[in-house]
C-alpha cells in the first residue's frame, strides 16, 4: 500500500495535471495509486519533486516491504 493517492488529495492536485507533468497517462498514474504498477526510478523521482515528498514516503508505507513474486508482480509483506 502506498500513500500516493492520499498525498495527491492532500495537495489538492488533479490526476491529469500530475500525469502530464511526469510524462505518463492518467490511467498509468491511477495504477501507481492503486499499487497495481510501480513507476521506474525516473518517474518516481519526478513524482517526488512534484509532490515534495521522498520516494520512500510516497511508495513505502511503514511496516511494509514490497516483494516481487514469481509472476513478476509486487506483493506487500
N, C-alpha and C. Protein backbone atom coordinates (compact mmCIF):
# COMPACT_ATOMS: atom_id res chain seq x y z
N UNK A 1 0.85 -1.18 0.00
CA UNK A 1 0.00 0.00 0.00
C UNK A 1 0.89 1.24 0.00
N UNK A 2 0.62 2.15 -0.89
CA UNK A 2 1.41 3.38 -0.92
C UNK A 2 0.53 4.57 -0.53
N UNK A 3 1.14 5.71 -0.39
CA UNK A 3 0.44 6.93 0.04
C UNK A 3 0.18 7.90 -1.09
N UNK A 4 0.44 7.50 -2.32
CA UNK A 4 0.37 8.41 -3.45
C UNK A 4 -1.00 9.08 -3.56
N UNK A 5 -2.06 8.30 -3.51
CA UNK A 5 -3.41 8.87 -3.61
C UNK A 5 -3.70 9.86 -2.50
N UNK A 6 -3.31 9.51 -1.28
CA UNK A 6 -3.53 10.41 -0.14
C UNK A 6 -2.76 11.72 -0.30
N UNK A 7 -1.54 11.62 -0.77
CA UNK A 7 -0.71 12.82 -0.95
C UNK A 7 -1.30 13.71 -2.03
N UNK A 8 -1.77 13.11 -3.12
CA UNK A 8 -2.38 13.90 -4.20
C UNK A 8 -3.61 14.64 -3.67
N UNK A 9 -4.45 13.96 -2.89
CA UNK A 9 -5.63 14.61 -2.30
C UNK A 9 -5.21 15.72 -1.35
N UNK A 10 -4.21 15.44 -0.53
CA UNK A 10 -3.72 16.42 0.44
C UNK A 10 -3.24 17.70 -0.27
N UNK A 11 -2.58 17.53 -1.40
CA UNK A 11 -2.06 18.67 -2.15
C UNK A 11 -3.14 19.36 -2.98
N UNK A 12 -4.29 18.71 -3.15
CA UNK A 12 -5.38 19.31 -3.93
C UNK A 12 -5.09 19.35 -5.43
N UNK A 13 -4.29 18.40 -5.90
CA UNK A 13 -3.93 18.38 -7.31
C UNK A 13 -4.82 17.41 -8.09
N UNK A 14 -4.96 17.66 -9.38
CA UNK A 14 -5.73 16.79 -10.26
C UNK A 14 -4.81 15.73 -10.85
N UNK A 15 -5.34 14.52 -11.00
CA UNK A 15 -4.54 13.42 -11.54
C UNK A 15 -4.05 13.72 -12.96
N UNK A 16 -4.88 14.33 -13.77
CA UNK A 16 -4.48 14.67 -15.14
C UNK A 16 -3.31 15.63 -15.16
N UNK A 17 -3.31 16.59 -14.26
CA UNK A 17 -2.21 17.55 -14.16
C UNK A 17 -0.92 16.84 -13.78
N UNK A 18 -0.99 15.99 -12.77
CA UNK A 18 0.20 15.27 -12.32
C UNK A 18 0.72 14.37 -13.43
N UNK A 19 -0.18 13.62 -14.05
CA UNK A 19 0.22 12.70 -15.12
C UNK A 19 0.95 13.44 -16.24
N UNK A 20 0.41 14.59 -16.64
CA UNK A 20 1.05 15.34 -17.72
C UNK A 20 2.41 15.88 -17.30
N UNK A 21 2.54 16.27 -16.06
CA UNK A 21 3.82 16.82 -15.57
C UNK A 21 4.91 15.76 -15.47
N UNK A 22 4.51 14.51 -15.20
CA UNK A 22 5.54 13.46 -15.05
C UNK A 22 5.69 12.62 -16.31
N UNK A 23 4.85 12.89 -17.32
CA UNK A 23 5.01 12.22 -18.60
C UNK A 23 4.38 10.84 -18.72
N UNK A 24 3.27 10.62 -18.00
CA UNK A 24 2.54 9.35 -18.13
C UNK A 24 1.07 9.66 -18.39
N UNK A 25 0.30 8.64 -18.76
CA UNK A 25 -1.13 8.82 -18.94
C UNK A 25 -1.83 8.81 -17.58
N UNK A 26 -3.04 9.35 -17.55
CA UNK A 26 -3.81 9.33 -16.31
C UNK A 26 -4.10 7.90 -15.85
N UNK A 27 -4.47 6.97 -16.76
CA UNK A 27 -4.67 5.59 -16.31
C UNK A 27 -3.40 4.96 -15.70
N UNK A 28 -2.23 5.30 -16.24
CA UNK A 28 -0.98 4.79 -15.66
C UNK A 28 -0.79 5.33 -14.26
N UNK A 29 -1.03 6.62 -14.08
CA UNK A 29 -0.93 7.22 -12.74
C UNK A 29 -1.90 6.53 -11.80
N UNK A 30 -3.11 6.25 -12.26
CA UNK A 30 -4.10 5.57 -11.42
C UNK A 30 -3.59 4.19 -10.98
N UNK A 31 -2.91 3.48 -11.86
CA UNK A 31 -2.35 2.18 -11.49
C UNK A 31 -1.25 2.34 -10.44
N UNK A 32 -0.47 3.42 -10.51
CA UNK A 32 0.51 3.69 -9.46
C UNK A 32 -0.20 3.93 -8.13
N UNK A 33 -1.28 4.69 -8.16
CA UNK A 33 -2.05 4.99 -6.94
C UNK A 33 -2.61 3.71 -6.34
N UNK A 34 -3.15 2.84 -7.20
CA UNK A 34 -3.75 1.59 -6.74
C UNK A 34 -2.71 0.56 -6.31
N UNK A 35 -1.47 0.77 -6.72
CA UNK A 35 -0.41 -0.17 -6.37
C UNK A 35 -0.36 -1.39 -7.28
N UNK A 36 -1.06 -1.34 -8.42
CA UNK A 36 -1.00 -2.46 -9.36
C UNK A 36 0.22 -2.37 -10.25
N UNK A 37 0.79 -1.20 -10.39
CA UNK A 37 2.05 -0.95 -11.09
C UNK A 37 2.87 0.01 -10.25
N UNK A 38 4.17 -0.03 -10.44
CA UNK A 38 5.06 0.92 -9.78
C UNK A 38 5.89 1.63 -10.86
N UNK A 39 6.16 2.90 -10.65
CA UNK A 39 6.93 3.64 -11.64
C UNK A 39 8.41 3.27 -11.59
N UNK A 40 9.08 3.52 -12.71
CA UNK A 40 10.53 3.39 -12.72
C UNK A 40 11.14 4.53 -11.92
N UNK A 41 12.45 4.46 -11.77
CA UNK A 41 13.15 5.46 -10.94
C UNK A 41 12.97 6.88 -11.46
N UNK A 42 12.97 7.06 -12.78
CA UNK A 42 12.84 8.41 -13.32
C UNK A 42 11.48 9.02 -13.00
N UNK A 43 10.42 8.25 -13.16
CA UNK A 43 9.07 8.76 -12.86
C UNK A 43 8.90 8.94 -11.35
N UNK A 44 9.43 8.02 -10.57
CA UNK A 44 9.35 8.15 -9.10
C UNK A 44 10.04 9.43 -8.65
N UNK A 45 11.18 9.75 -9.25
CA UNK A 45 11.88 10.99 -8.91
C UNK A 45 11.07 12.22 -9.30
N UNK A 46 10.43 12.18 -10.47
CA UNK A 46 9.58 13.30 -10.88
C UNK A 46 8.42 13.48 -9.90
N UNK A 47 7.79 12.39 -9.50
CA UNK A 47 6.69 12.48 -8.52
C UNK A 47 7.20 13.05 -7.20
N UNK A 48 8.35 12.60 -6.77
CA UNK A 48 8.93 13.07 -5.52
C UNK A 48 9.15 14.58 -5.55
N UNK A 49 9.74 15.07 -6.63
CA UNK A 49 9.99 16.52 -6.75
C UNK A 49 8.68 17.31 -6.86
N UNK A 50 7.74 16.80 -7.65
CA UNK A 50 6.48 17.50 -7.85
C UNK A 50 5.66 17.58 -6.57
N UNK A 51 5.63 16.49 -5.82
CA UNK A 51 4.78 16.43 -4.62
C UNK A 51 5.49 16.89 -3.36
N UNK A 52 6.82 16.98 -3.39
CA UNK A 52 7.55 17.43 -2.21
C UNK A 52 7.68 16.38 -1.13
N UNK A 53 7.67 15.11 -1.51
CA UNK A 53 7.83 14.00 -0.58
C UNK A 53 8.94 13.10 -1.09
N UNK A 54 9.59 12.39 -0.19
CA UNK A 54 10.60 11.44 -0.63
C UNK A 54 9.92 10.24 -1.30
N UNK A 55 10.66 9.54 -2.13
CA UNK A 55 10.14 8.34 -2.77
C UNK A 55 9.69 7.34 -1.71
N UNK A 56 10.47 7.21 -0.66
CA UNK A 56 10.12 6.28 0.41
C UNK A 56 8.79 6.65 1.05
N UNK A 57 8.58 7.95 1.29
CA UNK A 57 7.33 8.40 1.91
C UNK A 57 6.13 8.17 1.00
N UNK A 58 6.34 8.26 -0.30
CA UNK A 58 5.23 8.07 -1.25
C UNK A 58 4.89 6.61 -1.43
N UNK A 59 5.90 5.77 -1.64
CA UNK A 59 5.65 4.40 -2.08
C UNK A 59 5.81 3.31 -1.03
N UNK A 60 6.40 3.62 0.09
CA UNK A 60 6.63 2.58 1.08
C UNK A 60 6.00 2.98 2.41
N UNK A 61 4.80 2.46 2.65
CA UNK A 61 4.13 2.71 3.93
C UNK A 61 4.96 2.04 5.02
N UNK A 62 4.92 2.59 6.21
CA UNK A 62 5.69 1.99 7.30
C UNK A 62 5.20 0.57 7.55
N UNK A 63 6.12 -0.28 7.97
CA UNK A 63 5.84 -1.68 8.29
C UNK A 63 5.45 -2.51 7.09
N UNK A 64 5.80 -2.11 5.87
CA UNK A 64 5.54 -2.92 4.69
C UNK A 64 6.82 -3.09 3.90
N UNK A 65 6.93 -4.21 3.24
CA UNK A 65 8.08 -4.49 2.39
C UNK A 65 7.57 -4.99 1.05
N UNK A 66 7.87 -4.30 -0.06
CA UNK A 66 7.44 -4.80 -1.36
C UNK A 66 8.34 -5.95 -1.80
N UNK A 67 7.73 -7.01 -2.30
CA UNK A 67 8.46 -8.19 -2.74
C UNK A 67 7.94 -8.58 -4.12
N UNK A 68 8.85 -8.80 -5.07
CA UNK A 68 8.45 -9.25 -6.40
C UNK A 68 8.24 -10.76 -6.34
N UNK A 69 7.02 -11.20 -6.68
CA UNK A 69 6.74 -12.64 -6.64
C UNK A 69 7.22 -13.32 -7.91
N UNK A 70 7.00 -14.64 -8.02
CA UNK A 70 7.50 -15.40 -9.16
C UNK A 70 6.79 -15.06 -10.47
N UNK A 71 5.68 -14.32 -10.42
CA UNK A 71 4.97 -13.90 -11.61
C UNK A 71 5.36 -12.49 -12.04
N UNK A 72 6.29 -11.87 -11.33
CA UNK A 72 6.74 -10.53 -11.65
C UNK A 72 5.88 -9.43 -11.06
N UNK A 73 4.88 -9.82 -10.26
CA UNK A 73 4.02 -8.82 -9.61
C UNK A 73 4.62 -8.48 -8.25
N UNK A 74 4.20 -7.34 -7.71
CA UNK A 74 4.72 -6.91 -6.42
C UNK A 74 3.69 -7.23 -5.35
N UNK A 75 4.13 -7.98 -4.33
CA UNK A 75 3.31 -8.27 -3.16
C UNK A 75 3.86 -7.43 -2.01
N UNK A 76 3.01 -7.07 -1.08
CA UNK A 76 3.42 -6.33 0.09
C UNK A 76 3.35 -7.26 1.29
N UNK A 77 4.47 -7.40 1.98
CA UNK A 77 4.56 -8.28 3.15
C UNK A 77 4.65 -7.47 4.40
